[in-house]
Amino acid sequence: MHNFGGYSSNILDQLIIELGAIYIMDRGYLDFARLYKIHQASAFFVTRTKLNFSRIRLYSQPVDKAHSSYAPIVKKEVLIN
């Protein structure tokens, strides 16, 4: 885990995205172009949305609650812009 300080959006342009890695973003980090680069590299990202986040849910996916006891995942959704 790295704590880069400053603006995480700038550091994402410098990172070499690793296959299967999980990148955790600050609340409200929604730079879809940069997040899509993580997705294309077969890595994963986690971000929490702000309350005023407004997108359309395309579909929901099941959540494996047996493996999320430490930090429970509440929803797993695919969104469209």
PDB file of N, CA and C in Angstrom:
ATOM      1  N   MET A   1       0.850  -1.158   0.000  1.00  0.00           N
ATOM      2  CA  MET A   1       0.000   0.000   0.000  1.00  0.00           C
ATOM      3  C   MET A   1       0.899   1.226   0.000  1.00  0.00           C
ATOM      4  N   HIS A   2       0.523   2.199  -0.808  1.00  0.00           N
ATOM      5  CA  HIS A   2       1.283   3.435  -0.898  1.00  0.00           C
ATOM      6  C   HIS A   2       0.384   4.608  -0.553  1.00  0.00           C
ATOM      7  N   ASN A   3       0.918   5.553   0.189  1.00  0.00           N
ATOM      8  CA  ASN A   3       0.225   6.798   0.456  1.00  0.00           C
ATOM      9  C   ASN A   3       1.050   7.890  -0.204  1.00  0.00           C
ATOM     10  N   PHE A   4       0.619   8.305  -1.374  1.00  0.00           N
ATOM     11  CA  PHE A   4       1.407   9.238  -2.161  1.00  0.00           C
ATOM     12  C   PHE A   4       1.244  10.684  -1.715  1.00  0.00           C
ATOM     13  N   GLY A   5       0.165  11.001  -1.026  1.00  0.00           N
ATOM     14  CA  GLY A   5      -0.083  12.394  -0.669  1.00  0.00           C
ATOM     15  C   GLY A   5      -0.371  13.180  -1.932  1.00  0.00           C
ATOM     16  N   GLY A   6      -0.723  14.413  -1.774  1.00  0.00           N
ATOM     17  CA  GLY A   6      -0.995  15.243  -2.955  1.00  0.00           C
ATOM     18  C   GLY A   6      -2.191  14.723  -3.728  1.00  0.00           C
ATOM     19  N   TYR A   7      -2.147  14.880  -5.026  1.00  0.00           N
ATOM     20  CA  TYR A   7      -3.271  14.509  -5.870  1.00  0.00           C
ATOM     21  C   TYR A   7      -3.054  13.130  -6.468  1.00  0.00           C
ATOM     22  N   SER A   8      -3.926  12.186  -6.116  1.00  0.00           N
ATOM     23  CA  SER A   8      -3.782  10.820  -6.612  1.00  0.00           C
ATOM     24  C   SER A   8      -3.990  10.750  -8.115  1.00  0.00           C
ATOM     25  N   SER A   9      -4.736  11.693  -8.691  1.00  0.00           N
ATOM     26  CA  SER A   9      -4.960  11.651 -10.129  1.00  0.00           C
ATOM     27  C   SER A   9      -3.659  11.827 -10.891  1.00  0.00           C
ATOM     28  N   ASN A  10      -2.746  12.619 -10.373  1.00  0.00           N
ATOM     29  CA  ASN A  10      -1.463  12.815 -11.052  1.00  0.00           C
ATOM     30  C   ASN A  10      -0.603  11.565 -10.983  1.00  0.00           C
ATOM     31  N   ILE A  11      -0.610  10.871  -9.879  1.00  0.00           N
ATOM     32  CA  ILE A  11       0.240   9.701  -9.721  1.00  0.00           C
ATOM     33  C   ILE A  11      -0.250   8.539 -10.580  1.00  0.00           C
ATOM     34  N   LEU A  12      -1.541   8.468 -10.875  1.00  0.00           N
ATOM     35  CA  LEU A  12      -2.049   7.377 -11.708  1.00  0.00           C
ATOM     36  C   LEU A  12      -1.448   7.397 -13.103  1.00  0.00           C
ATOM     37  N   ASP A  13      -1.097   8.567 -13.595  1.00  0.00           N
ATOM     38  CA  ASP A  13      -0.474   8.658 -14.912  1.00  0.00           C
ATOM     39  C   ASP A  13       0.953   8.109 -14.898  1.00  0.00           C
ATOM     40  N   GLN A  14       1.569   8.018 -13.735  1.00  0.00           N
ATOM     41  CA  GLN A  14       2.950   7.564 -13.622  1.00  0.00           C
ATOM     42  C   GLN A  14       3.053   6.099 -13.207  1.00  0.00           C
ATOM     43  N   LEU A  15       1.990   5.552 -12.645  1.00  0.00           N
ATOM     44  CA  LEU A  15       2.018   4.161 -12.175  1.00  0.00           C
ATOM     45  C   LEU A  15       2.000   3.165 -13.329  1.00  0.00           C
ATOM     46  N   ILE A  16       2.704   2.077 -13.148  1.00  0.00           N
ATOM     47  CA  ILE A  16       2.568   0.936 -14.047  1.00  0.00           C
ATOM     48  C   ILE A  16       1.518   0.035 -13.404  1.00  0.00           C
ATOM     49  N   ILE A  17       0.374  -0.066 -14.045  1.00  0.00           N
ATOM     50  CA  ILE A  17      -0.743  -0.822 -13.486  1.00  0.00           C
ATOM     51  C   ILE A  17      -0.400  -2.311 -13.555  1.00  0.00           C
ATOM     52  N   GLU A  18      -0.501  -2.985 -12.413  1.00  0.00           N
ATOM     53  CA  GLU A  18      -0.142  -4.398 -12.331  1.00  0.00           C
ATOM     54  C   GLU A  18      -1.374  -5.287 -12.485  1.00  0.00           C
ATOM     55  N   LEU A  19      -1.196  -6.369 -13.210  1.00  0.00           N
ATOM     56  CA  LEU A  19      -2.249  -7.344 -13.431  1.00  0.00           C
ATOM     57  C   LEU A  19      -2.767  -7.862 -12.087  1.00  0.00           C
ATOM     58  N   GLY A  20      -4.080  -7.795 -11.880  1.00  0.00           N
ATOM     59  CA  GLY A  20      -4.699  -8.326 -10.673  1.00  0.00           C
ATOM     60  C   GLY A  20      -4.580  -7.454  -9.435  1.00  0.00           C
ATOM     61  N   ALA A  21      -3.883  -6.324  -9.539  1.00  0.00           N
ATOM     62  CA  ALA A  21      -3.737  -5.432  -8.377  1.00  0.00           C
ATOM     63  C   ALA A  21      -5.057  -4.736  -8.077  1.00  0.00           C
ATOM     64  N   ILE A  22      -5.206  -4.309  -6.838  1.00  0.00           N
ATOM     65  CA  ILE A  22      -6.396  -3.570  -6.420  1.00  0.00           C
ATOM     66  C   ILE A  22      -5.948  -2.166  -6.031  1.00  0.00           C
ATOM     67  N   TYR A  23      -6.531  -1.160  -6.649  1.00  0.00           N
ATOM     68  CA  TYR A  23      -6.209   0.237  -6.381  1.00  0.00           C
ATOM     69  C   TYR A  23      -7.377   0.867  -5.639  1.00  0.00           C
ATOM     70  N   ILE A  24      -7.090   1.470  -4.493  1.00  0.00           N
ATOM     71  CA  ILE A  24      -8.125   2.065  -3.649  1.00  0.00           C
ATOM     72  C   ILE A  24      -8.026   3.580  -3.781  1.00  0.00           C
ATOM     73  N   MET A  25      -9.142   4.194  -4.164  1.00  0.00           N
ATOM     74  CA  MET A  25      -9.178   5.638  -4.411  1.00  0.00           C
ATOM     75  C   MET A  25      -9.907   6.362  -3.289  1.00  0.00           C
ATOM     76  N   ASP A  26      -9.592   7.628  -3.160  1.00  0.00           N
ATOM     77  CA  ASP A  26     -10.301   8.476  -2.201  1.00  0.00           C
ATOM     78  C   ASP A  26     -11.774   8.572  -2.566  1.00  0.00           C
ATOM     79  N   ARG A  27     -12.565   8.926  -1.578  1.00  0.00           N
ATOM     80  CA  ARG A  27     -13.999   9.116  -1.801  1.00  0.00           C
ATOM     81  C   ARG A  27     -14.222  10.183  -2.868  1.00  0.00           C
ATOM     82  N   GLY A  28     -15.065   9.868  -3.808  1.00  0.00           N
ATOM     83  CA  GLY A  28     -15.420  10.841  -4.830  1.00  0.00           C
ATOM     84  C   GLY A  28     -14.455  10.903  -5.998  1.00  0.00           C
ATOM     85  N   TYR A  29     -13.445  10.010  -6.047  1.00  0.00           N
ATOM     86  CA  TYR A  29     -12.515  10.017  -7.183  1.00  0.00           C
ATOM     87  C   TYR A  29     -13.200   9.338  -8.358  1.00  0.00           C
ATOM     88  N   LEU A  30     -13.558  10.105  -9.362  1.00  0.00           N
ATOM     89  CA  LEU A  30     -14.304   9.551 -10.484  1.00  0.00           C
ATOM     90  C   LEU A  30     -13.757  10.045 -11.814  1.00  0.00           C
ATOM     91  N   ASP A  31     -12.511   9.792 -12.065  1.00  0.00           N
ATOM     92  CA  ASP A  31     -11.929  10.090 -13.369  1.00  0.00           C
ATOM     93  C   ASP A  31     -12.078   8.821 -14.201  1.00  0.00           C
ATOM     94  N   PHE A  32     -13.174   8.748 -14.958  1.00  0.00           N
ATOM     95  CA  PHE A  32     -13.529   7.507 -15.631  1.00  0.00           C
ATOM     96  C   PHE A  32     -12.480   7.058 -16.645  1.00  0.00           C
ATOM     97  N   ALA A  33     -11.809   7.980 -17.309  1.00  0.00           N
ATOM     98  CA  ALA A  33     -10.778   7.601 -18.279  1.00  0.00           C
ATOM     99  C   ALA A  33      -9.624   6.878 -17.574  1.00  0.00           C
ATOM    100  N   ARG A  34      -9.188   7.403 -16.448  1.00  0.00           N
ATOM    101  CA  ARG A  34      -8.098   6.760 -15.709  1.00  0.00           C
ATOM    102  C   ARG A  34      -8.546   5.436 -15.082  1.00  0.00           C
ATOM    103  N   LEU A  35      -9.767   5.391 -14.571  1.00  0.00           N
ATOM    104  CA  LEU A  35     -10.280   4.140 -14.003  1.00  0.00           C
ATOM    105  C   LEU A  35     -10.427   3.068 -15.087  1.00  0.00           C
ATOM    106  N   TYR A  36     -10.776   3.481 -16.288  1.00  0.00           N
ATOM    107  CA  TYR A  36     -10.915   2.532 -17.385  1.00  0.00           C
ATOM    108  C   TYR A  36      -9.555   1.936 -17.763  1.00  0.00           C
ATOM    109  N   LYS A  37      -8.493   2.712 -17.652  1.00  0.00           N
ATOM    110  CA  LYS A  37      -7.149   2.188 -17.913  1.00  0.00           C
ATOM    111  C   LYS A  37      -6.800   1.082 -16.916  1.00  0.00           C
ATOM    112  N   ILE A  38      -7.223   1.246 -15.674  1.00  0.00           N
ATOM    113  CA  ILE A  38      -7.009   0.195 -14.671  1.00  0.00           C
ATOM    114  C   ILE A  38      -7.779  -1.060 -15.072  1.00  0.00           C
ATOM    115  N   HIS A  39      -9.016  -0.878 -15.480  1.00  0.00           N
ATOM    116  CA  HIS A  39      -9.862  -1.995 -15.919  1.00  0.00           C
ATOM    117  C   HIS A  39      -9.238  -2.706 -17.119  1.00  0.00           C
ATOM    118  N   GLN A  40      -8.750  -1.955 -18.100  1.00  0.00           N
ATOM    119  CA  GLN A  40      -8.150  -2.540 -19.300  1.00  0.00           C
ATOM    120  C   GLN A  40      -6.898  -3.354 -18.978  1.00  0.00           C
ATOM    121  N   ALA A  41      -6.208  -3.004 -17.904  1.00  0.00           N
ATOM    122  CA  ALA A  41      -4.986  -3.712 -17.507  1.00  0.00           C
ATOM    123  C   ALA A  41      -5.294  -4.943 -16.655  1.00  0.00           C
ATOM    124  N   SER A  42      -6.562  -5.333 -16.580  1.00  0.00           N
ATOM    125  CA  SER A  42      -7.004  -6.481 -15.775  1.00  0.00           C
ATOM    126  C   SER A  42      -6.641  -6.308 -14.309  1.00  0.00           C
ATOM    127  N   ALA A  43      -6.753  -5.086 -13.835  1.00  0.00           N
ATOM    128  CA  ALA A  43      -6.591  -4.770 -12.422  1.00  0.00           C
ATOM    129  C   ALA A  43      -7.956  -4.301 -11.918  1.00  0.00           C
ATOM    130  N   PHE A  44      -8.029  -3.961 -10.649  1.00  0.00           N
ATOM    131  CA  PHE A  44      -9.301  -3.597 -10.039  1.00  0.00           C
ATOM    132  C   PHE A  44      -9.151  -2.284  -9.288  1.00  0.00           C
ATOM    133  N   PHE A  45     -10.269  -1.602  -9.088  1.00  0.00           N
ATOM    134  CA  PHE A  45     -10.251  -0.383  -8.289  1.00  0.00           C
ATOM    135  C   PHE A  45     -11.480  -0.345  -7.402  1.00  0.00           C
ATOM    136  N   VAL A  46     -11.329   0.346  -6.292  1.00  0.00           N
ATOM    137  CA  VAL A  46     -12.423   0.539  -5.345  1.00  0.00           C
ATOM    138  C   VAL A  46     -12.522   2.027  -5.073  1.00  0.00           C
ATOM    139  N   THR A  47     -13.716   2.550  -5.128  1.00  0.00           N
ATOM    140  CA  THR A  47     -13.946   3.939  -4.783  1.00  0.00           C
ATOM    141  C   THR A  47     -15.341   4.059  -4.189  1.00  0.00           C
ATOM    142  N   ARG A  48     -15.509   4.996  -3.295  1.00  0.00           N
ATOM    143  CA  ARG A  48     -16.843   5.274  -2.747  1.00  0.00           C
ATOM    144  C   ARG A  48     -17.336   6.550  -3.404  1.00  0.00           C
ATOM    145  N   THR A  49     -18.599   6.583  -3.709  1.00  0.00           N
ATOM    146  CA  THR A  49     -19.146   7.770  -4.368  1.00  0.00           C
ATOM    147  C   THR A  49     -19.622   8.789  -3.344  1.00  0.00           C
ATOM    148  N   LYS A  50     -19.677  10.008  -3.782  1.00  0.00           N
ATOM    149  CA  LYS A  50     -20.259  11.064  -2.954  1.00  0.00           C
ATOM    150  C   LYS A  50     -21.778  10.939  -2.998  1.00  0.00           C
ATOM    151  N   LEU A  51     -22.429  11.588  -2.077  1.00  0.00           N
ATOM    152  CA  LEU A  51     -23.887  11.490  -2.000  1.00  0.00           C
ATOM    153  C   LEU A  51     -24.580  12.044  -3.243  1.00  0.00           C
ATOM    154  N   ASN A  52     -23.975  13.041  -3.894  1.00  0.00           N
ATOM    155  CA  ASN A  52     -24.616  13.670  -5.048  1.00  0.00           C
ATOM    156  C   ASN A  52     -24.245  12.982  -6.369  1.00  0.00           C
ATOM    157  N   PHE A  53     -23.651  11.794  -6.302  1.00  0.00           N
ATOM    158  CA  PHE A  53     -23.266  11.047  -7.496  1.00  0.00           C
ATOM    159  C   PHE A  53     -24.510  10.649  -8.268  1.00  0.00           C
ATOM    160  N   SER A  54     -24.516  10.935  -9.566  1.00  0.00           N
ATOM    161  CA  SER A  54     -25.701  10.663 -10.370  1.00  0.00           C
ATOM    162  C   SER A  54     -25.312   9.938 -11.658  1.00  0.00           C
ATOM    163  N   ARG A  55     -25.563   8.649 -11.706  1.00  0.00           N
ATOM    164  CA  ARG A  55     -25.328   7.816 -12.885  1.00  0.00           C
ATOM    165  C   ARG A  55     -26.454   6.798 -12.975  1.00  0.00           C
ATOM    166  N   ILE A  56     -26.533   6.119 -14.093  1.00  0.00           N
ATOM    167  CA  ILE A  56     -27.567   5.110 -14.301  1.00  0.00           C
ATOM    168  C   ILE A  56     -26.957   3.729 -14.073  1.00  0.00           C
ATOM    169  N   ARG A  57     -27.614   2.942 -13.236  1.00  0.00           N
ATOM    170  CA  ARG A  57     -27.156   1.577 -12.968  1.00  0.00           C
ATOM    171  C   ARG A  57     -27.577   0.687 -14.117  1.00  0.00           C
ATOM    172  N   LEU A  58     -26.614   0.053 -14.754  1.00  0.00           N
ATOM    173  CA  LEU A  58     -26.893  -0.867 -15.846  1.00  0.00           C
ATOM    174  C   LEU A  58     -27.369  -2.204 -15.282  1.00  0.00           C
ATOM    175  N   TYR A  59     -26.632  -2.735 -14.303  1.00  0.00           N
ATOM    176  CA  TYR A  59     -27.057  -3.949 -13.611  1.00  0.00           C
ATOM    177  C   TYR A  59     -26.250  -4.113 -12.329  1.00  0.00           C
ATOM    178  N   SER A  60     -26.743  -4.952 -11.431  1.00  0.00           N
ATOM    179  CA  SER A  60     -26.049  -5.284 -10.192  1.00  0.00           C
ATOM    180  C   SER A  60     -25.482  -6.685 -10.305  1.00  0.00           C
ATOM    181  N   GLN A  61     -24.413  -6.935  -9.555  1.00  0.00           N
ATOM    182  CA  GLN A  61     -23.819  -8.265  -9.512  1.00  0.00           C
ATOM    183  C   GLN A  61     -23.922  -8.792  -8.091  1.00  0.00           C
ATOM    184  N   PRO A  62     -23.960 -10.112  -7.929  1.00  0.00           N
ATOM    185  CA  PRO A  62     -24.045 -10.659  -6.578  1.00  0.00           C
ATOM    186  C   PRO A  62     -22.787 -10.352  -5.769  1.00  0.00           C
ATOM    187  N   VAL A  63     -22.958 -10.175  -4.479  1.00  0.00           N
ATOM    188  CA  VAL A  63     -21.852  -9.898  -3.567  1.00  0.00           C
ATOM    189  C   VAL A  63     -21.598 -11.142  -2.739  1.00  0.00           C
ATOM    190  N   ASP A  64     -20.345 -11.588  -2.702  1.00  0.00           N
ATOM    191  CA  ASP A  64     -19.960 -12.757  -1.915  1.00  0.00           C
ATOM    192  C   ASP A  64     -19.718 -12.303  -0.474  1.00  0.00           C
ATOM    193  N   LYS A  65     -20.751 -12.388   0.350  1.00  0.00           N
ATOM    194  CA  LYS A  65     -20.662 -11.886   1.726  1.00  0.00           C
ATOM    195  C   LYS A  65     -19.767 -12.749   2.611  1.00  0.00           C
ATOM    196  N   ALA A  66     -19.524 -13.981   2.216  1.00  0.00           N
ATOM    197  CA  ALA A  66     -18.676 -14.861   3.017  1.00  0.00           C
ATOM    198  C   ALA A  66     -17.220 -14.402   3.018  1.00  0.00           C
ATOM    199  N   HIS A  67     -16.791 -13.711   1.985  1.00  0.00           N
ATOM    200  CA  HIS A  67     -15.398 -13.270   1.878  1.00  0.00           C
ATOM    201  C   HIS A  67     -15.240 -11.772   2.071  1.00  0.00           C
ATOM    202  N   SER A  68     -16.247 -11.109   2.611  1.00  0.00           N
ATOM    203  CA  SER A  68     -16.146  -9.669   2.797  1.00  0.00           C
ATOM    204  C   SER A  68     -16.487  -9.266   4.229  1.00  0.00           C
ATOM    205  N   SER A  69     -16.082 -10.092   5.205  1.00  0.00           N
ATOM    206  CA  SER A  69     -16.436  -9.810   6.595  1.00  0.00           C
ATOM    207  C   SER A  69     -15.616  -8.668   7.189  1.00  0.00           C
ATOM    208  N   TYR A  70     -14.369  -8.482   6.730  1.00  0.00           N
ATOM    209  CA  TYR A  70     -13.526  -7.417   7.285  1.00  0.00           C
ATOM    210  C   TYR A  70     -14.044  -6.038   6.878  1.00  0.00           C
ATOM    211  N   ALA A  71     -14.286  -5.855   5.614  1.00  0.00           N
ATOM    212  CA  ALA A  71     -14.822  -4.589   5.099  1.00  0.00           C
ATOM    213  C   ALA A  71     -15.958  -4.958   4.153  1.00  0.00           C
ATOM    214  N   PRO A  72     -17.152  -5.109   4.682  1.00  0.00           N
ATOM    215  CA  PRO A  72     -18.265  -5.622   3.881  1.00  0.00           C
ATOM    216  C   PRO A  72     -18.537  -4.795   2.625  1.00  0.00           C
ATOM    217  N   ILE A  73     -18.720  -5.494   1.535  1.00  0.00           N
ATOM    218  CA  ILE A  73     -19.123  -4.850   0.288  1.00  0.00           C
ATOM    219  C   ILE A  73     -20.644  -4.782   0.314  1.00  0.00           C
ATOM    220  N   VAL A  74     -21.172  -3.596   0.155  1.00  0.00           N
ATOM    221  CA  VAL A  74     -22.614  -3.406   0.223  1.00  0.00           C
ATOM    222  C   VAL A  74     -23.251  -3.624  -1.133  1.00  0.00           C
ATOM    223  N   LYS A  75     -22.635  -3.061  -2.194  1.00  0.00           N
ATOM    224  CA  LYS A  75     -23.184  -3.175  -3.536  1.00  0.00           C
ATOM    225  C   LYS A  75     -22.051  -3.362  -4.540  1.00  0.00           C
ATOM    226  N   LYS A  76     -22.359  -4.094  -5.578  1.00  0.00           N
ATOM    227  CA  LYS A  76     -21.435  -4.246  -6.696  1.00  0.00           C
ATOM    228  C   LYS A  76     -22.251  -3.983  -7.953  1.00  0.00           C
ATOM    229  N   GLU A  77     -22.068  -2.807  -8.528  1.00  0.00           N
ATOM    230  CA  GLU A  77     -22.920  -2.378  -9.628  1.00  0.00           C
ATOM    231  C   GLU A  77     -22.095  -1.927 -10.831  1.00  0.00           C
ATOM    232  N   VAL A  78     -22.665  -2.132 -12.003  1.00  0.00           N
ATOM    233  CA  VAL A  78     -22.075  -1.646 -13.234  1.00  0.00           C
ATOM    234  C   VAL A  78     -22.894  -0.432 -13.656  1.00  0.00           C
ATOM    235  N   LEU A  79     -22.198   0.685 -13.878  1.00  0.00           N
ATOM    236  CA  LEU A  79     -22.863   1.957 -14.168  1.00  0.00           C
ATOM    237  C   LEU A  79     -22.564   2.416 -15.585  1.00  0.00           C
ATOM    238  N   ILE A  80     -23.462   3.250 -16.117  1.00  0.00           N
ATOM    239  CA  ILE A  80     -23.189   3.914 -17.379  1.00  0.00           C
ATOM    240  C   ILE A  80     -23.222   5.408 -17.150  1.00  0.00           C
ATOM    241  N   ASN A  81     -22.522   6.114 -17.958  1.00  0.00           N
ATOM    242  CA  ASN A  81     -22.388   7.563 -17.827  1.00  0.00           C
ATOM    243  C   ASN A  81     -23.604   8.278 -18.350  1.00  0.00           C
TER     244      ASN A  81
END
